[in-house]
Amino acid sequence: MRPEISAGATLADYELPDHTDKLRKLSVLQGDDPMILTLNRGFYCPKDRLQLLELTQFSKQCAVAYTRLVTITTDNLLQSIGLRLGVGADWTFLHDTERIIQKDLDIPEYTDPQNDPMIPHTFVLEPGLRIYKIYDGYWYWGRPSIGELQQDAREVTRRIRPDWKIDTPEMREKWNRGDRKEFFPYGKSLKQVIVRMGNAVDQFE
């Protein structure tokens, strides 16, 4: 991976087709929320399938915790659909048959020229696609456990949510005087919140 792609850097706002073959930008999928982004080999890899199966239950926690989950593979559309359905995923899958990310991040798995995948990685991102942590998943144990992702998501959420602690005198004072901009949903409508919880990406703003 390019050395400048590290914690504190900003990941490029890639635009790729999803499992409905509609182009999606990472920034739109993320919105103002934390994001967990997995870069996977694809449908043929048993390690990917196991990781994604683990994430299937975790995705329910992500929904109620306002945390986005996105997977990118080098599969074609039909393979991407099959992988997503096969593991029972309910989050957005993007496919990158042109290896745009593989080339841009310099992560070709050169030991497998037949499939030409990207080396699996998991990114934990703060809003603005700012990198909080990167896991190298070439070996399965390099991939984060659900417990590690929970800890990462907790820390990112603590950093970005001004109402992480609402039991302080300062926060109580703001609430009592009607200053609600630092309280969830931070000026957004109920519909905007529900749309993102339900992963209704066609209605994302």
N, C-alpha and C. Protein backbone atom coordinates (compact mmCIF):
# COMPACT_ATOMS: atom_id res chain seq x y z
N MET A 1 0.85 -1.20 0.00
CA MET A 1 0.00 0.00 0.00
C MET A 1 0.89 1.25 0.00
N ARG A 2 0.43 2.27 -0.68
CA ARG A 2 1.18 3.51 -0.70
C ARG A 2 1.40 4.00 0.73
N PRO A 3 2.61 4.43 1.07
CA PRO A 3 2.93 4.77 2.46
C PRO A 3 2.10 5.92 3.02
N GLU A 4 1.61 6.81 2.15
CA GLU A 4 0.83 7.94 2.67
C GLU A 4 -0.59 7.54 3.04
N ILE A 5 -1.00 6.33 2.67
CA ILE A 5 -2.33 5.85 3.06
C ILE A 5 -2.21 5.26 4.46
N SER A 6 -2.46 6.09 5.46
CA SER A 6 -2.27 5.69 6.85
C SER A 6 -3.25 6.48 7.72
N ALA A 7 -3.23 6.18 9.01
CA ALA A 7 -4.13 6.85 9.94
C ALA A 7 -3.95 8.37 9.86
N GLY A 8 -5.06 9.08 9.78
CA GLY A 8 -5.03 10.54 9.67
C GLY A 8 -5.15 11.05 8.25
N ALA A 9 -4.85 10.20 7.27
CA ALA A 9 -4.99 10.60 5.86
C ALA A 9 -6.45 10.47 5.43
N THR A 10 -6.74 11.03 4.28
CA THR A 10 -8.10 10.96 3.73
C THR A 10 -8.12 10.00 2.55
N LEU A 11 -9.01 9.05 2.60
CA LEU A 11 -9.16 8.11 1.51
C LEU A 11 -9.85 8.79 0.33
N ALA A 12 -9.43 8.44 -0.87
CA ALA A 12 -10.06 9.03 -2.07
C ALA A 12 -11.55 8.68 -2.12
N ASP A 13 -12.31 9.58 -2.69
CA ASP A 13 -13.77 9.40 -2.77
C ASP A 13 -14.09 8.58 -4.03
N TYR A 14 -13.84 7.29 -3.97
CA TYR A 14 -14.06 6.43 -5.12
C TYR A 14 -15.55 6.34 -5.47
N GLU A 15 -15.80 6.23 -6.77
CA GLU A 15 -17.16 6.06 -7.26
C GLU A 15 -17.20 4.77 -8.08
N LEU A 16 -18.00 3.82 -7.62
CA LEU A 16 -18.06 2.50 -8.23
C LEU A 16 -19.50 2.02 -8.30
N PRO A 17 -19.80 1.07 -9.19
CA PRO A 17 -21.16 0.53 -9.27
C PRO A 17 -21.46 -0.41 -8.10
N ASP A 18 -22.69 -0.37 -7.64
CA ASP A 18 -23.09 -1.23 -6.53
C ASP A 18 -23.74 -2.50 -7.04
N HIS A 19 -24.36 -3.26 -6.15
CA HIS A 19 -24.95 -4.54 -6.51
C HIS A 19 -26.24 -4.39 -7.33
N THR A 20 -26.68 -3.16 -7.55
CA THR A 20 -27.76 -2.90 -8.50
C THR A 20 -27.22 -2.27 -9.78
N ASP A 21 -25.90 -2.18 -9.86
CA ASP A 21 -25.15 -1.61 -10.98
C ASP A 21 -25.33 -0.11 -11.11
N LYS A 22 -25.64 0.55 -10.00
CA LYS A 22 -25.74 2.00 -9.98
C LYS A 22 -24.50 2.58 -9.33
N LEU A 23 -23.95 3.64 -9.92
CA LEU A 23 -22.73 4.25 -9.38
C LEU A 23 -23.00 4.89 -8.02
N ARG A 24 -22.08 4.63 -7.08
CA ARG A 24 -22.18 5.21 -5.74
C ARG A 24 -20.83 5.78 -5.34
N LYS A 25 -20.85 6.95 -4.73
CA LYS A 25 -19.63 7.55 -4.20
C LYS A 25 -19.52 7.21 -2.72
N LEU A 26 -18.31 6.94 -2.28
CA LEU A 26 -18.11 6.60 -0.88
C LEU A 26 -18.59 7.70 0.05
N SER A 27 -18.36 8.95 -0.34
CA SER A 27 -18.75 10.07 0.53
C SER A 27 -20.25 10.13 0.74
N VAL A 28 -21.02 9.79 -0.29
CA VAL A 28 -22.48 9.79 -0.18
C VAL A 28 -22.94 8.63 0.69
N LEU A 29 -22.32 7.47 0.50
CA LEU A 29 -22.67 6.32 1.33
C LEU A 29 -22.34 6.58 2.80
N GLN A 30 -21.25 7.29 3.06
CA GLN A 30 -20.85 7.55 4.44
C GLN A 30 -21.69 8.62 5.10
N GLY A 31 -21.97 9.71 4.41
CA GLY A 31 -22.64 10.82 5.06
C GLY A 31 -21.79 11.39 6.18
N ASP A 32 -22.41 11.63 7.34
CA ASP A 32 -21.69 12.17 8.49
C ASP A 32 -21.37 11.11 9.53
N ASP A 33 -21.41 9.85 9.12
CA ASP A 33 -21.27 8.75 10.07
C ASP A 33 -19.90 8.07 9.98
N PRO A 34 -19.54 7.31 11.00
CA PRO A 34 -18.38 6.43 10.86
C PRO A 34 -18.66 5.41 9.76
N MET A 35 -17.59 4.90 9.16
CA MET A 35 -17.75 3.88 8.12
C MET A 35 -16.71 2.78 8.30
N ILE A 36 -17.16 1.55 8.11
CA ILE A 36 -16.27 0.40 8.05
C ILE A 36 -16.29 -0.09 6.61
N LEU A 37 -15.13 -0.05 5.98
CA LEU A 37 -15.00 -0.38 4.56
C LEU A 37 -14.10 -1.60 4.42
N THR A 38 -14.64 -2.67 3.82
CA THR A 38 -13.82 -3.85 3.59
C THR A 38 -13.49 -3.97 2.10
N LEU A 39 -12.21 -4.19 1.83
CA LEU A 39 -11.75 -4.47 0.48
C LEU A 39 -11.46 -5.96 0.42
N ASN A 40 -12.19 -6.68 -0.41
CA ASN A 40 -12.11 -8.13 -0.43
C ASN A 40 -11.70 -8.68 -1.79
N ARG A 41 -11.21 -9.92 -1.77
CA ARG A 41 -10.83 -10.58 -3.01
C ARG A 41 -12.06 -10.84 -3.87
N GLY A 42 -13.07 -11.49 -3.28
CA GLY A 42 -14.27 -11.77 -4.04
C GLY A 42 -14.90 -13.11 -3.71
N PHE A 43 -15.80 -13.51 -4.58
CA PHE A 43 -16.69 -14.65 -4.33
C PHE A 43 -15.94 -15.96 -4.11
N TYR A 44 -14.76 -16.11 -4.69
CA TYR A 44 -14.04 -17.39 -4.66
C TYR A 44 -13.24 -17.60 -3.38
N CYS A 45 -13.11 -16.58 -2.55
CA CYS A 45 -12.21 -16.65 -1.39
C CYS A 45 -12.97 -17.07 -0.13
N PRO A 46 -12.63 -18.22 0.48
CA PRO A 46 -13.33 -18.65 1.69
C PRO A 46 -13.09 -17.73 2.88
N LYS A 47 -11.93 -17.08 2.92
CA LYS A 47 -11.64 -16.14 4.01
C LYS A 47 -12.59 -14.95 3.93
N ASP A 48 -12.82 -14.45 2.72
CA ASP A 48 -13.75 -13.34 2.54
C ASP A 48 -15.15 -13.74 2.98
N ARG A 49 -15.58 -14.93 2.56
CA ARG A 49 -16.93 -15.38 2.92
C ARG A 49 -17.10 -15.45 4.43
N LEU A 50 -16.09 -15.97 5.12
CA LEU A 50 -16.19 -16.08 6.57
C LEU A 50 -16.21 -14.70 7.21
N GLN A 51 -15.35 -13.80 6.75
CA GLN A 51 -15.36 -12.44 7.29
C GLN A 51 -16.72 -11.78 7.08
N LEU A 52 -17.26 -11.92 5.89
CA LEU A 52 -18.55 -11.29 5.57
C LEU A 52 -19.70 -11.93 6.36
N LEU A 53 -19.62 -13.24 6.59
CA LEU A 53 -20.64 -13.90 7.42
C LEU A 53 -20.61 -13.34 8.84
N GLU A 54 -19.41 -13.10 9.37
CA GLU A 54 -19.29 -12.49 10.69
C GLU A 54 -19.90 -11.08 10.70
N LEU A 55 -19.68 -10.34 9.63
CA LEU A 55 -20.19 -8.98 9.55
C LEU A 55 -21.70 -8.93 9.39
N THR A 56 -22.30 -10.02 8.95
CA THR A 56 -23.75 -10.03 8.72
C THR A 56 -24.52 -9.73 10.00
N GLN A 57 -24.12 -10.33 11.12
CA GLN A 57 -24.77 -10.01 12.38
C GLN A 57 -24.35 -8.64 12.89
N PHE A 58 -23.08 -8.32 12.70
CA PHE A 58 -22.57 -7.02 13.14
C PHE A 58 -23.27 -5.87 12.44
N SER A 59 -23.72 -6.10 11.21
CA SER A 59 -24.37 -5.03 10.45
C SER A 59 -25.62 -4.52 11.15
N LYS A 60 -26.29 -5.39 11.92
CA LYS A 60 -27.47 -4.96 12.67
C LYS A 60 -27.07 -3.95 13.75
N GLN A 61 -25.92 -4.19 14.37
CA GLN A 61 -25.41 -3.22 15.35
C GLN A 61 -25.04 -1.91 14.66
N CYS A 62 -24.44 -2.01 13.49
CA CYS A 62 -24.06 -0.80 12.75
C CYS A 62 -25.28 0.05 12.44
N ALA A 63 -26.39 -0.60 12.09
CA ALA A 63 -27.60 0.14 11.72
C ALA A 63 -28.10 1.00 12.88
N VAL A 64 -28.18 0.41 14.07
CA VAL A 64 -28.71 1.17 15.21
C VAL A 64 -27.66 2.11 15.79
N ALA A 65 -26.39 1.90 15.44
CA ALA A 65 -25.32 2.76 15.94
C ALA A 65 -24.94 3.84 14.93
N TYR A 66 -25.70 3.95 13.83
CA TYR A 66 -25.45 4.97 12.81
C TYR A 66 -24.01 4.88 12.30
N THR A 67 -23.65 3.68 11.91
CA THR A 67 -22.32 3.41 11.36
C THR A 67 -22.50 2.71 10.02
N ARG A 68 -21.85 3.22 8.99
CA ARG A 68 -22.00 2.69 7.65
C ARG A 68 -21.07 1.51 7.44
N LEU A 69 -21.52 0.55 6.65
CA LEU A 69 -20.74 -0.64 6.31
C LEU A 69 -20.79 -0.81 4.80
N VAL A 70 -19.61 -0.91 4.17
CA VAL A 70 -19.52 -1.04 2.71
C VAL A 70 -18.44 -2.07 2.39
N THR A 71 -18.71 -2.89 1.37
CA THR A 71 -17.74 -3.89 0.90
C THR A 71 -17.44 -3.63 -0.57
N ILE A 72 -16.16 -3.73 -0.93
CA ILE A 72 -15.74 -3.59 -2.33
C ILE A 72 -14.95 -4.84 -2.72
N THR A 73 -15.29 -5.43 -3.87
CA THR A 73 -14.55 -6.57 -4.40
C THR A 73 -14.17 -6.27 -5.85
N THR A 74 -13.32 -7.15 -6.40
CA THR A 74 -12.99 -7.06 -7.83
C THR A 74 -13.88 -7.99 -8.65
N ASP A 75 -14.97 -8.45 -8.07
CA ASP A 75 -15.93 -9.30 -8.78
C ASP A 75 -16.64 -8.51 -9.87
N ASN A 76 -17.27 -9.24 -10.81
CA ASN A 76 -18.20 -8.59 -11.72
C ASN A 76 -19.56 -8.49 -11.04
N LEU A 77 -20.52 -7.92 -11.72
CA LEU A 77 -21.82 -7.65 -11.12
C LEU A 77 -22.49 -8.93 -10.61
N LEU A 78 -22.55 -9.97 -11.46
CA LEU A 78 -23.23 -11.20 -11.06
C LEU A 78 -22.52 -11.88 -9.89
N GLN A 79 -21.21 -11.87 -9.90
CA GLN A 79 -20.45 -12.46 -8.79
C GLN A 79 -20.68 -11.68 -7.50
N SER A 80 -20.72 -10.36 -7.61
CA SER A 80 -20.95 -9.52 -6.44
C SER A 80 -22.33 -9.77 -5.86
N ILE A 81 -23.32 -9.87 -6.74
CA ILE A 81 -24.69 -10.16 -6.27
C ILE A 81 -24.73 -11.51 -5.58
N GLY A 82 -24.09 -12.51 -6.20
CA GLY A 82 -24.09 -13.85 -5.63
C GLY A 82 -23.41 -13.90 -4.27
N LEU A 83 -22.29 -13.20 -4.13
CA LEU A 83 -21.59 -13.17 -2.85
C LEU A 83 -22.45 -12.50 -1.79
N ARG A 84 -23.04 -11.38 -2.13
CA ARG A 84 -23.87 -10.64 -1.17
C ARG A 84 -25.06 -11.48 -0.71
N LEU A 85 -25.74 -12.11 -1.66
CA LEU A 85 -26.88 -12.95 -1.30
C LEU A 85 -26.43 -14.19 -0.53
N GLY A 86 -25.29 -14.75 -0.92
CA GLY A 86 -24.82 -15.98 -0.30
C GLY A 86 -24.48 -15.84 1.16
N VAL A 87 -23.99 -14.66 1.56
CA VAL A 87 -23.65 -14.45 2.98
C VAL A 87 -24.79 -13.78 3.74
N GLY A 88 -25.86 -13.40 3.03
CA GLY A 88 -26.99 -12.75 3.69
C GLY A 88 -26.73 -11.32 4.09
N ALA A 89 -25.88 -10.62 3.33
CA ALA A 89 -25.53 -9.24 3.68
C ALA A 89 -26.67 -8.28 3.36
N ASP A 90 -26.81 -7.23 4.16
CA ASP A 90 -27.85 -6.22 3.92
C ASP A 90 -27.23 -4.84 3.70
N TRP A 91 -25.92 -4.80 3.49
CA TRP A 91 -25.25 -3.52 3.26
C TRP A 91 -24.80 -3.43 1.80
N THR A 92 -24.24 -2.29 1.43
CA THR A 92 -23.88 -2.01 0.04
C THR A 92 -22.60 -2.73 -0.36
N PHE A 93 -22.68 -3.44 -1.49
CA PHE A 93 -21.51 -4.05 -2.12
C PHE A 93 -21.19 -3.27 -3.39
N LEU A 94 -19.94 -2.87 -3.54
CA LEU A 94 -19.48 -2.22 -4.76
C LEU A 94 -18.53 -3.17 -5.48
N HIS A 95 -18.53 -3.11 -6.81
CA HIS A 95 -17.60 -3.97 -7.56
C HIS A 95 -16.68 -3.11 -8.42
N ASP A 96 -15.43 -3.55 -8.48
CA ASP A 96 -14.35 -2.79 -9.11
C ASP A 96 -13.61 -3.69 -10.10
N THR A 97 -14.26 -4.01 -11.19
CA THR A 97 -13.66 -4.92 -12.17
C THR A 97 -12.46 -4.30 -12.87
N GLU A 98 -12.37 -2.97 -12.89
CA GLU A 98 -11.24 -2.30 -13.54
C GLU A 98 -10.03 -2.18 -12.62
N ARG A 99 -10.17 -2.67 -11.38
CA ARG A 99 -9.08 -2.63 -10.39
C ARG A 99 -8.60 -1.20 -10.12
N ILE A 100 -9.54 -0.28 -10.08
CA ILE A 100 -9.19 1.13 -9.84
C ILE A 100 -8.55 1.29 -8.47
N ILE A 101 -9.17 0.72 -7.44
CA ILE A 101 -8.64 0.85 -6.09
C ILE A 101 -7.35 0.06 -5.94
N GLN A 102 -7.32 -1.13 -6.50
CA GLN A 102 -6.10 -1.95 -6.44
C GLN A 102 -4.89 -1.18 -6.96
N LYS A 103 -5.09 -0.51 -8.09
CA LYS A 103 -3.99 0.24 -8.70
C LYS A 103 -3.69 1.53 -7.94
N ASP A 104 -4.74 2.24 -7.52
CA ASP A 104 -4.53 3.52 -6.87
C ASP A 104 -3.85 3.36 -5.51
N LEU A 105 -4.24 2.34 -4.75
CA LEU A 105 -3.65 2.12 -3.44
C LEU A 105 -2.38 1.27 -3.51
N ASP A 106 -2.11 0.72 -4.69
CA ASP A 106 -0.95 -0.15 -4.90
C ASP A 106 -1.04 -1.39 -4.00
N ILE A 107 -2.18 -2.10 -4.12
CA ILE A 107 -2.38 -3.31 -3.31
C ILE A 107 -2.72 -4.52 -4.19
N PRO A 108 -2.04 -4.72 -5.31
CA PRO A 108 -2.32 -5.93 -6.10
C PRO A 108 -1.80 -7.17 -5.35
N GLU A 109 -2.58 -8.22 -5.36
CA GLU A 109 -2.10 -9.48 -4.79
C GLU A 109 -1.33 -10.20 -5.89
N TYR A 110 -0.08 -9.81 -6.04
CA TYR A 110 0.72 -10.24 -7.20
C TYR A 110 1.03 -11.73 -7.17
N THR A 111 0.80 -12.40 -6.03
CA THR A 111 1.03 -13.84 -5.95
C THR A 111 -0.11 -14.64 -6.57
N ASP A 112 -1.17 -13.94 -6.99
CA ASP A 112 -2.33 -14.61 -7.62
C ASP A 112 -2.65 -13.92 -8.94
N PRO A 113 -1.81 -14.09 -9.96
CA PRO A 113 -2.04 -13.42 -11.24
C PRO A 113 -3.29 -13.90 -11.96
N GLN A 114 -3.76 -15.10 -11.63
CA GLN A 114 -4.95 -15.62 -12.31
C GLN A 114 -6.19 -14.81 -11.96
N ASN A 115 -6.40 -14.56 -10.67
CA ASN A 115 -7.58 -13.79 -10.24
C ASN A 115 -7.31 -12.29 -10.16
N ASP A 116 -6.05 -11.93 -9.96
CA ASP A 116 -5.64 -10.53 -9.89
C ASP A 116 -6.50 -9.72 -8.92
N PRO A 117 -6.63 -10.20 -7.67
CA PRO A 117 -7.42 -9.44 -6.70
C PRO A 117 -6.60 -8.34 -6.06
N MET A 118 -7.23 -7.58 -5.17
CA MET A 118 -6.48 -6.67 -4.32
C MET A 118 -6.24 -7.36 -2.98
N ILE A 119 -5.15 -7.01 -2.33
CA ILE A 119 -4.89 -7.56 -1.01
C ILE A 119 -6.00 -7.09 -0.07
N PRO A 120 -6.67 -7.99 0.63
CA PRO A 120 -7.79 -7.58 1.48
C PRO A 120 -7.35 -6.61 2.58
N HIS A 121 -8.14 -5.60 2.77
CA HIS A 121 -7.92 -4.63 3.85
C HIS A 121 -9.27 -4.24 4.44
N THR A 122 -9.25 -3.83 5.69
CA THR A 122 -10.43 -3.25 6.33
C THR A 122 -10.05 -1.86 6.83
N PHE A 123 -10.81 -0.86 6.41
CA PHE A 123 -10.61 0.52 6.84
C PHE A 123 -11.70 0.92 7.83
N VAL A 124 -11.32 1.56 8.89
CA VAL A 124 -12.27 2.23 9.78
C VAL A 124 -12.11 3.72 9.52
N LEU A 125 -13.21 4.37 9.12
CA LEU A 125 -13.14 5.75 8.65
C LEU A 125 -13.98 6.68 9.50
N GLU A 126 -13.41 7.81 9.85
CA GLU A 126 -14.17 8.91 10.44
C GLU A 126 -14.88 9.65 9.32
N PRO A 127 -15.85 10.51 9.64
CA PRO A 127 -16.50 11.30 8.59
C PRO A 127 -15.48 12.03 7.73
N GLY A 128 -15.85 12.24 6.47
CA GLY A 128 -14.92 12.86 5.54
C GLY A 128 -13.93 11.88 4.98
N LEU A 129 -14.20 10.55 5.17
CA LEU A 129 -13.31 9.48 4.70
C LEU A 129 -11.92 9.58 5.31
N ARG A 130 -11.85 10.16 6.50
CA ARG A 130 -10.58 10.26 7.22
C ARG A 130 -10.25 8.91 7.86
N ILE A 131 -9.07 8.41 7.61
CA ILE A 131 -8.69 7.07 8.06
C ILE A 131 -8.38 7.07 9.56
N TYR A 132 -9.10 6.22 10.29
CA TYR A 132 -8.82 6.03 11.72
C TYR A 132 -7.89 4.83 11.91
N LYS A 133 -8.17 3.74 11.20
CA LYS A 133 -7.35 2.54 11.35
C LYS A 133 -7.45 1.70 10.08
N ILE A 134 -6.37 0.96 9.79
CA ILE A 134 -6.33 0.05 8.65
C ILE A 134 -5.87 -1.32 9.13
N TYR A 135 -6.58 -2.35 8.71
CA TYR A 135 -6.18 -3.72 8.98
C TYR A 135 -5.81 -4.40 7.66
N ASP A 136 -4.65 -5.05 7.62
CA ASP A 136 -4.20 -5.80 6.45
C ASP A 136 -4.68 -7.23 6.60
N GLY A 137 -5.53 -7.67 5.67
CA GLY A 137 -6.16 -8.98 5.79
C GLY A 137 -5.66 -10.03 4.84
N TYR A 138 -4.40 -9.92 4.39
CA TYR A 138 -3.87 -10.96 3.51
C TYR A 138 -3.97 -12.32 4.20
N TRP A 139 -3.53 -12.35 5.47
CA TRP A 139 -3.76 -13.51 6.32
C TRP A 139 -5.04 -13.25 7.12
N TYR A 140 -5.80 -14.31 7.35
CA TYR A 140 -7.11 -14.12 7.98
C TYR A 140 -6.99 -13.45 9.35
N TRP A 141 -5.98 -13.81 10.14
CA TRP A 141 -5.87 -13.23 11.47
C TRP A 141 -5.45 -11.77 11.43
N GLY A 142 -5.11 -11.26 10.27
CA GLY A 142 -4.86 -9.83 10.15
C GLY A 142 -6.13 -9.02 10.06
N ARG A 143 -7.25 -9.71 9.84
CA ARG A 143 -8.53 -9.00 9.73
C ARG A 143 -9.10 -8.74 11.12
N PRO A 144 -9.83 -7.66 11.29
CA PRO A 144 -10.32 -7.32 12.63
C PRO A 144 -11.44 -8.25 13.08
N SER A 145 -11.42 -8.56 14.35
CA SER A 145 -12.55 -9.28 14.94
C SER A 145 -13.72 -8.30 15.11
N ILE A 146 -14.88 -8.85 15.38
CA ILE A 146 -16.04 -7.98 15.64
C ILE A 146 -15.78 -7.14 16.88
N GLY A 147 -15.13 -7.73 17.88
CA GLY A 147 -14.81 -6.97 19.09
C GLY A 147 -13.91 -5.79 18.79
N GLU A 148 -12.92 -5.98 17.94
CA GLU A 148 -12.03 -4.87 17.58
C GLU A 148 -12.79 -3.79 16.82
N LEU A 149 -13.68 -4.19 15.93
CA LEU A 149 -14.46 -3.20 15.19
C LEU A 149 -15.40 -2.43 16.12
N GLN A 150 -15.95 -3.11 17.12
CA GLN A 150 -16.78 -2.42 18.10
C GLN A 150 -15.97 -1.36 18.85
N GLN A 151 -14.76 -1.72 19.25
CA GLN A 151 -13.91 -0.76 19.95
C GLN A 151 -13.55 0.42 19.06
N ASP A 152 -13.22 0.14 17.81
CA ASP A 152 -12.88 1.22 16.87
C ASP A 152 -14.09 2.13 16.65
N ALA A 153 -15.25 1.52 16.42
CA ALA A 153 -16.45 2.31 16.17
C ALA A 153 -16.82 3.15 17.39
N ARG A 154 -16.60 2.60 18.59
CA ARG A 154 -16.86 3.35 19.82
C ARG A 154 -15.98 4.59 19.90
N GLU A 155 -14.69 4.41 19.60
CA GLU A 155 -13.77 5.53 19.70
C GLU A 155 -14.06 6.60 18.65
N VAL A 156 -14.34 6.17 17.42
CA VAL A 156 -14.67 7.14 16.37
C VAL A 156 -15.95 7.88 16.72
N THR A 157 -16.96 7.15 17.20
CA THR A 157 -18.22 7.79 17.58
C THR A 157 -18.01 8.77 18.71
N ARG A 158 -17.19 8.40 19.69
CA ARG A 158 -16.91 9.31 20.81
C ARG A 158 -16.26 10.60 20.31
N ARG A 159 -15.40 10.47 19.31
CA ARG A 159 -14.70 11.64 18.79
C ARG A 159 -15.63 12.60 18.05
N ILE A 160 -16.60 12.05 17.33
CA ILE A 160 -17.37 12.88 16.40
C ILE A 160 -18.74 13.32 16.93
N ARG A 161 -19.23 12.67 17.98
CA ARG A 161 -20.56 13.01 18.49
C ARG A 161 -20.43 13.95 19.68
N PRO A 162 -20.81 15.21 19.53
CA PRO A 162 -20.68 16.16 20.65
C PRO A 162 -21.54 15.79 21.84
N ASP A 163 -22.58 14.98 21.62
CA ASP A 163 -23.45 14.57 22.71
C ASP A 163 -23.11 13.16 23.22
N TRP A 164 -21.84 12.73 23.02
CA TRP A 164 -21.42 11.43 23.55
C TRP A 164 -21.68 11.35 25.05
N LYS A 165 -21.42 12.45 25.75
CA LYS A 165 -21.76 12.56 27.17
C LYS A 165 -22.76 13.69 27.34
N ILE A 166 -24.01 13.31 27.59
CA ILE A 166 -25.03 14.35 27.72
C ILE A 166 -25.29 14.71 29.18
N ASP A 167 -24.54 14.06 30.10
CA ASP A 167 -24.80 14.30 31.52
C ASP A 167 -23.88 15.35 32.13
N THR A 168 -23.31 16.21 31.27
CA THR A 168 -22.47 17.28 31.80
C THR A 168 -23.32 18.54 32.00
N PRO A 169 -22.94 19.40 32.92
CA PRO A 169 -23.69 20.64 33.11
C PRO A 169 -23.77 21.48 31.83
N GLU A 170 -22.69 21.48 31.05
CA GLU A 170 -22.66 22.29 29.83
C GLU A 170 -23.70 21.80 28.82
N MET A 171 -23.78 20.48 28.64
CA MET A 171 -24.75 19.93 27.68
C MET A 171 -26.18 20.13 28.18
N ARG A 172 -26.39 19.95 29.47
CA ARG A 172 -27.73 20.15 30.02
C ARG A 172 -28.17 21.61 29.85
N GLU A 173 -27.23 22.54 30.04
CA GLU A 173 -27.55 23.96 29.88
C GLU A 173 -27.94 24.27 28.44
N LYS A 174 -27.19 23.72 27.49
CA LYS A 174 -27.51 23.93 26.07
C LYS A 174 -28.90 23.41 25.75
N TRP A 175 -29.23 22.24 26.26
CA TRP A 175 -30.54 21.66 25.98
C TRP A 175 -31.65 22.54 26.58
N ASN A 176 -31.47 22.99 27.81
CA ASN A 176 -32.49 23.77 28.49
C ASN A 176 -32.74 25.11 27.83
N ARG A 177 -31.70 25.67 27.19
CA ARG A 177 -31.92 26.95 26.53
C ARG A 177 -32.32 26.79 25.05
N GLY A 178 -32.55 25.54 24.65
CA GLY A 178 -33.05 25.27 23.30
C GLY A 178 -31.99 25.19 22.24
N ASP A 179 -30.72 25.10 22.64
CA ASP A 179 -29.62 24.99 21.68
C ASP A 179 -29.41 23.50 21.39
N ARG A 180 -30.01 23.02 20.30
CA ARG A 180 -30.03 21.57 20.04
C ARG A 180 -29.06 21.13 18.94
N LYS A 181 -28.25 22.04 18.41
CA LYS A 181 -27.42 21.69 17.25
C LYS A 181 -26.35 20.63 17.57
N GLU A 182 -26.01 20.49 18.86
CA GLU A 182 -25.01 19.48 19.24
C GLU A 182 -25.66 18.21 19.78
N PHE A 183 -26.96 18.08 19.57
CA PHE A 183 -27.67 16.89 20.00
C PHE A 183 -28.20 16.13 18.78
N PHE A 184 -28.17 14.79 18.89
CA PHE A 184 -28.71 13.97 17.81
C PHE A 184 -30.17 14.35 17.57
N PRO A 185 -30.61 14.47 16.31
CA PRO A 185 -29.94 14.15 15.03
C PRO A 185 -29.24 15.33 14.37
N TYR A 186 -28.80 16.31 15.15
CA TYR A 186 -27.95 17.40 14.66
C TYR A 186 -28.59 18.16 13.49
N GLY A 187 -29.86 18.45 13.62
CA GLY A 187 -30.55 19.24 12.60
C GLY A 187 -31.15 18.45 11.46
N LYS A 188 -30.91 17.16 11.43
CA LYS A 188 -31.49 16.33 10.36
C LYS A 188 -32.93 15.99 10.70
N SER A 189 -33.69 15.66 9.67
CA SER A 189 -35.08 15.27 9.87
C SER A 189 -35.15 13.79 10.26
N LEU A 190 -36.29 13.40 10.82
CA LEU A 190 -36.50 11.99 11.18
C LEU A 190 -36.41 11.11 9.93
N LYS A 191 -36.93 11.60 8.81
CA LYS A 191 -36.87 10.82 7.58
C LYS A 191 -35.42 10.57 7.17
N GLN A 192 -34.57 11.57 7.26
CA GLN A 192 -33.17 11.40 6.89
C GLN A 192 -32.49 10.35 7.78
N VAL A 193 -32.84 10.34 9.05
CA VAL A 193 -32.27 9.36 9.98
C VAL A 193 -32.73 7.95 9.62
N ILE A 194 -34.04 7.79 9.37
CA ILE A 194 -34.60 6.47 9.09
C ILE A 194 -34.07 5.93 7.77
N VAL A 195 -33.91 6.79 6.78
CA VAL A 195 -33.39 6.38 5.48
C VAL A 195 -32.02 5.76 5.62
N ARG A 196 -31.16 6.37 6.44
CA ARG A 196 -29.82 5.85 6.61
C ARG A 196 -29.81 4.59 7.47
N MET A 197 -30.65 4.53 8.49
CA MET A 197 -30.73 3.32 9.29
C MET A 197 -31.16 2.13 8.44
N GLY A 198 -32.07 2.38 7.49
CA GLY A 198 -32.58 1.32 6.64
C GLY A 198 -31.73 1.06 5.41
N ASN A 199 -30.63 1.79 5.27
CA ASN A 199 -29.73 1.65 4.11
C ASN A 199 -30.46 1.84 2.79
N ALA A 200 -31.42 2.76 2.78
CA ALA A 200 -32.16 3.07 1.55
C ALA A 200 -31.31 4.04 0.72
N VAL A 201 -30.27 3.51 0.08
CA VAL A 201 -29.24 4.35 -0.53
C VAL A 201 -29.77 5.26 -1.62
N ASP A 202 -30.84 4.86 -2.29
CA ASP A 202 -31.39 5.70 -3.35
C ASP A 202 -32.00 6.98 -2.80
N GLN A 203 -32.23 7.02 -1.48
CA GLN A 203 -32.81 8.22 -0.86
C GLN A 203 -31.77 8.99 -0.04
N PHE A 204 -30.52 8.56 -0.09
CA PHE A 204 -29.48 9.29 0.65
C PHE A 204 -29.34 10.69 0.10
N GLU A 205 -29.09 11.63 0.98
CA GLU A 205 -28.88 13.02 0.57
C GLU A 205 -27.42 13.42 0.81
